C-alpha atoms as a PDB file:
ATOM      1  CA  MET A   1    -122.936  42.221 -22.198  1.00  0.00           C
ATOM      2  CA  ARG A   2    -126.686  40.347 -21.356  1.00  0.00           C
ATOM      3  CA  ALA A   3    -127.798  41.717 -24.481  1.00  0.00           C
ATOM      4  CA  VAL A   4    -124.620  40.679 -26.336  1.00  0.00           C
ATOM      5  CA  VAL A   5    -124.877  37.090 -25.092  1.00  0.00           C
ATOM      6  CA  GLY A   6    -128.883  37.055 -25.460  1.00  0.00           C
ATOM      7  CA  ARG A   7    -128.424  37.507 -29.118  1.00  0.00           C
ATOM      8  CA  ALA A   8    -125.173  35.314 -29.595  1.00  0.00           C
ATOM      9  CA  VAL A   9    -127.659  32.429 -28.215  1.00  0.00           C
ATOM     10  CA  GLN A  10    -130.507  33.486 -30.443  1.00  0.00           C
ATOM     11  CA  GLU A  11    -128.021  33.423 -33.320  1.00  0.00           C
ATOM     12  CA  ALA A  12    -126.992  30.103 -32.479  1.00  0.00           C
ATOM     13  CA  SER A  13    -130.342  28.758 -32.716  1.00  0.00           C
ATOM     14  CA  TRP A  14    -130.610  29.479 -36.184  1.00  0.00           C
ATOM     15  CA  ALA A  15    -127.649  27.250 -37.303  1.00  0.00           C
ATOM     16  CA  ARG A  16    -128.288  23.951 -38.313  1.00  0.00           C
ATOM     17  CA  VAL A  17    -126.759  20.508 -38.086  1.00  0.00           C
ATOM     18  CA  SER A  18    -124.995  19.171 -41.210  1.00  0.00           C
ATOM     19  CA  TRP A  19    -123.745  15.866 -39.531  1.00  0.00           C
ATOM     20  CA  ALA A  20    -123.218  14.414 -36.472  1.00  0.00           C
ATOM     21  CA  ARG A  21    -121.376  11.414 -34.847  1.00  0.00           C
ATOM     22  CA  THR A  22    -122.076  11.278 -31.389  1.00  0.00           C
ATOM     23  CA  TRP A  23    -122.503   8.517 -28.467  1.00  0.00           C
ATOM     24  CA  VAL A  24    -122.966   8.558 -24.960  1.00  0.00           C
ATOM     25  CA  GLU A  25    -120.191   7.812 -22.697  1.00  0.00           C
ATOM     26  CA  SER A  26    -120.525   7.273 -18.759  1.00  0.00           C
ATOM     27  CA  GLY A  27    -118.052   6.533 -15.945  1.00  0.00           C
ATOM     28  CA  HIS A  28    -118.190   6.758 -12.089  1.00  0.00           C
ATOM     29  CA  ARG A  29    -115.789   8.595  -9.747  1.00  0.00           C
ATOM     30  CA  ARG A  30    -115.347   8.370  -6.343  1.00  0.00           C
ATOM     31  CA  SER A  31    -115.671  11.762  -3.760  1.00  0.00           C
ATOM     32  CA  SER A  32    -112.307  11.666  -1.458  1.00  0.00           C
ATOM     33  CA  ARG A  33    -114.327  13.523   1.257  1.00  0.00           C
ATOM     34  CA  THR A  34    -117.326  11.677   1.324  1.00  0.00           C
ATOM     35  CA  GLY A  35    -116.784   8.389  -0.186  1.00  0.00           C
ATOM     36  CA  GLN A  36    -119.896   8.519  -2.585  1.00  0.00           C
ATOM     37  CA  VAL A  37    -119.628   7.598  -5.678  1.00  0.00           C
ATOM     38  CA  GLN A  38    -121.078   9.868  -8.478  1.00  0.00           C
ATOM     39  CA  GLU A  39    -121.907   8.683 -11.886  1.00  0.00           C
ATOM     40  CA  LEU A  40    -120.661  11.013 -15.097  1.00  0.00           C
ATOM     41  CA  VAL A  41    -122.764  10.730 -18.363  1.00  0.00           C
ATOM     42  CA  GLY A  42    -122.678  12.943 -21.470  1.00  0.00           C
ATOM     43  CA  LEU A  43    -122.402  12.963 -25.158  1.00  0.00           C
ATOM     44  CA  ARG A  44    -118.956  12.635 -27.006  1.00  0.00           C
ATOM     45  CA  GLY A  45    -118.673  13.118 -30.506  1.00  0.00           C
ATOM     46  CA  VAL A  46    -118.117  15.599 -33.192  1.00  0.00           C
ATOM     47  CA  VAL A  47    -120.997  17.816 -34.675  1.00  0.00           C
ATOM     48  CA  ALA A  48    -120.891  20.060 -37.710  1.00  0.00           C
ATOM     49  CA  TYR A  49    -122.745  23.384 -37.808  1.00  0.00           C
ATOM     50  CA  GLU A  50    -123.598  25.297 -41.092  1.00  0.00           C
ATOM     51  CA  GLY A  51    -124.821  28.936 -40.777  1.00  0.00           C
ATOM     52  CA  MET A  52    -123.086  29.900 -37.584  1.00  0.00           C
ATOM     53  CA  SER A  53    -123.216  33.454 -37.441  1.00  0.00           C
ATOM     54  CA  SER A  54    -119.630  35.067 -36.050  1.00  0.00           C
ATOM     55  CA  LEU A  55    -121.215  36.544 -33.046  1.00  0.00           C
ATOM     56  CA  ALA A  56    -122.643  32.652 -32.121  1.00  0.00           C
ATOM     57  CA  MET A  57    -118.907  31.364 -33.164  1.00  0.00           C
ATOM     58  CA  ALA A  58    -117.260  33.860 -30.608  1.00  0.00           C
ATOM     59  CA  LEU A  59    -119.700  32.486 -28.069  1.00  0.00           C
ATOM     60  CA  LEU A  60    -118.314  29.261 -28.348  1.00  0.00           C
ATOM     61  CA  THR A  61    -115.052  30.310 -28.613  1.00  0.00           C
ATOM     62  CA  LEU A  62    -115.401  31.804 -25.246  1.00  0.00           C
ATOM     63  CA  GLY A  63    -116.874  28.948 -24.244  1.00  0.00           C
ATOM     64  CA  ALA A  64    -113.970  26.447 -25.191  1.00  0.00           C
ATOM     65  CA  GLU A  65    -111.590  28.917 -23.464  1.00  0.00           C
ATOM     66  CA  LEU A  66    -113.184  29.350 -20.021  1.00  0.00           C
ATOM     67  CA  GLY A  67    -113.851  25.650 -20.018  1.00  0.00           C
ATOM     68  CA  VAL A  68    -117.741  25.929 -19.652  1.00  0.00           C
ATOM     69  CA  GLY A  69    -119.597  22.390 -19.694  1.00  0.00           C
ATOM     70  CA  LYS A  70    -121.211  19.806 -17.069  1.00  0.00           C
ATOM     71  CA  ASP A  71    -118.713  18.133 -14.657  1.00  0.00           C
ATOM     72  CA  ILE A  72    -115.815  19.940 -16.149  1.00  0.00           C
ATOM     73  CA  ALA A  73    -113.773  20.067 -12.983  1.00  0.00           C
ATOM     74  CA  PHE A  74    -113.830  16.106 -13.566  1.00  0.00           C
ATOM     75  CA  GLY A  75    -112.430  16.298 -16.994  1.00  0.00           C
ATOM     76  CA  CYS A  76    -115.701  16.495 -18.600  1.00  0.00           C
ATOM     77  CA  GLY A  77    -117.586  18.963 -20.760  1.00  0.00           C
ATOM     78  CA  GLY A  78    -115.184  20.248 -22.641  1.00  0.00           C
ATOM     79  CA  ILE A  79    -115.664  22.047 -25.877  1.00  0.00           C
ATOM     80  CA  ARG A  80    -112.989  21.935 -28.680  1.00  0.00           C
ATOM     81  CA  LEU A  81    -113.668  24.253 -31.904  1.00  0.00           C
ATOM     82  CA  PHE A  82    -112.606  23.577 -35.168  1.00  0.00           C
ATOM     83  CA  ARG A  83    -113.460  25.446 -38.452  1.00  0.00           C
ATOM     84  CA  ALA A  84    -113.765  23.499 -41.556  1.00  0.00           C
ATOM     85  CA  THR A  85    -112.244  24.516 -45.034  1.00  0.00           C
ATOM     86  CA  ALA A  86    -113.526  23.642 -48.348  1.00  0.00           C
ATOM     87  CA  GLY A  87    -111.529  21.127 -50.501  1.00  0.00           C
END
């Protein structure tokens, strides 16, 4: 499994960004347990890639299904995938 994931990461690095619309978004949350305020900062937007291998796409799909990403427990870090169609 480790070798497959390593190969997928390597293949993903070969993809190129064809266009992107991104922005930085921030917010705060207060811990109900400690009362401390935590700043949540992240990148939002849409990024289109070219040359993404099927193995790299499978890794992204797995990440989207598992709900990986920074601060995902607070509603951040989600990944949504869309396949472009020519037309």
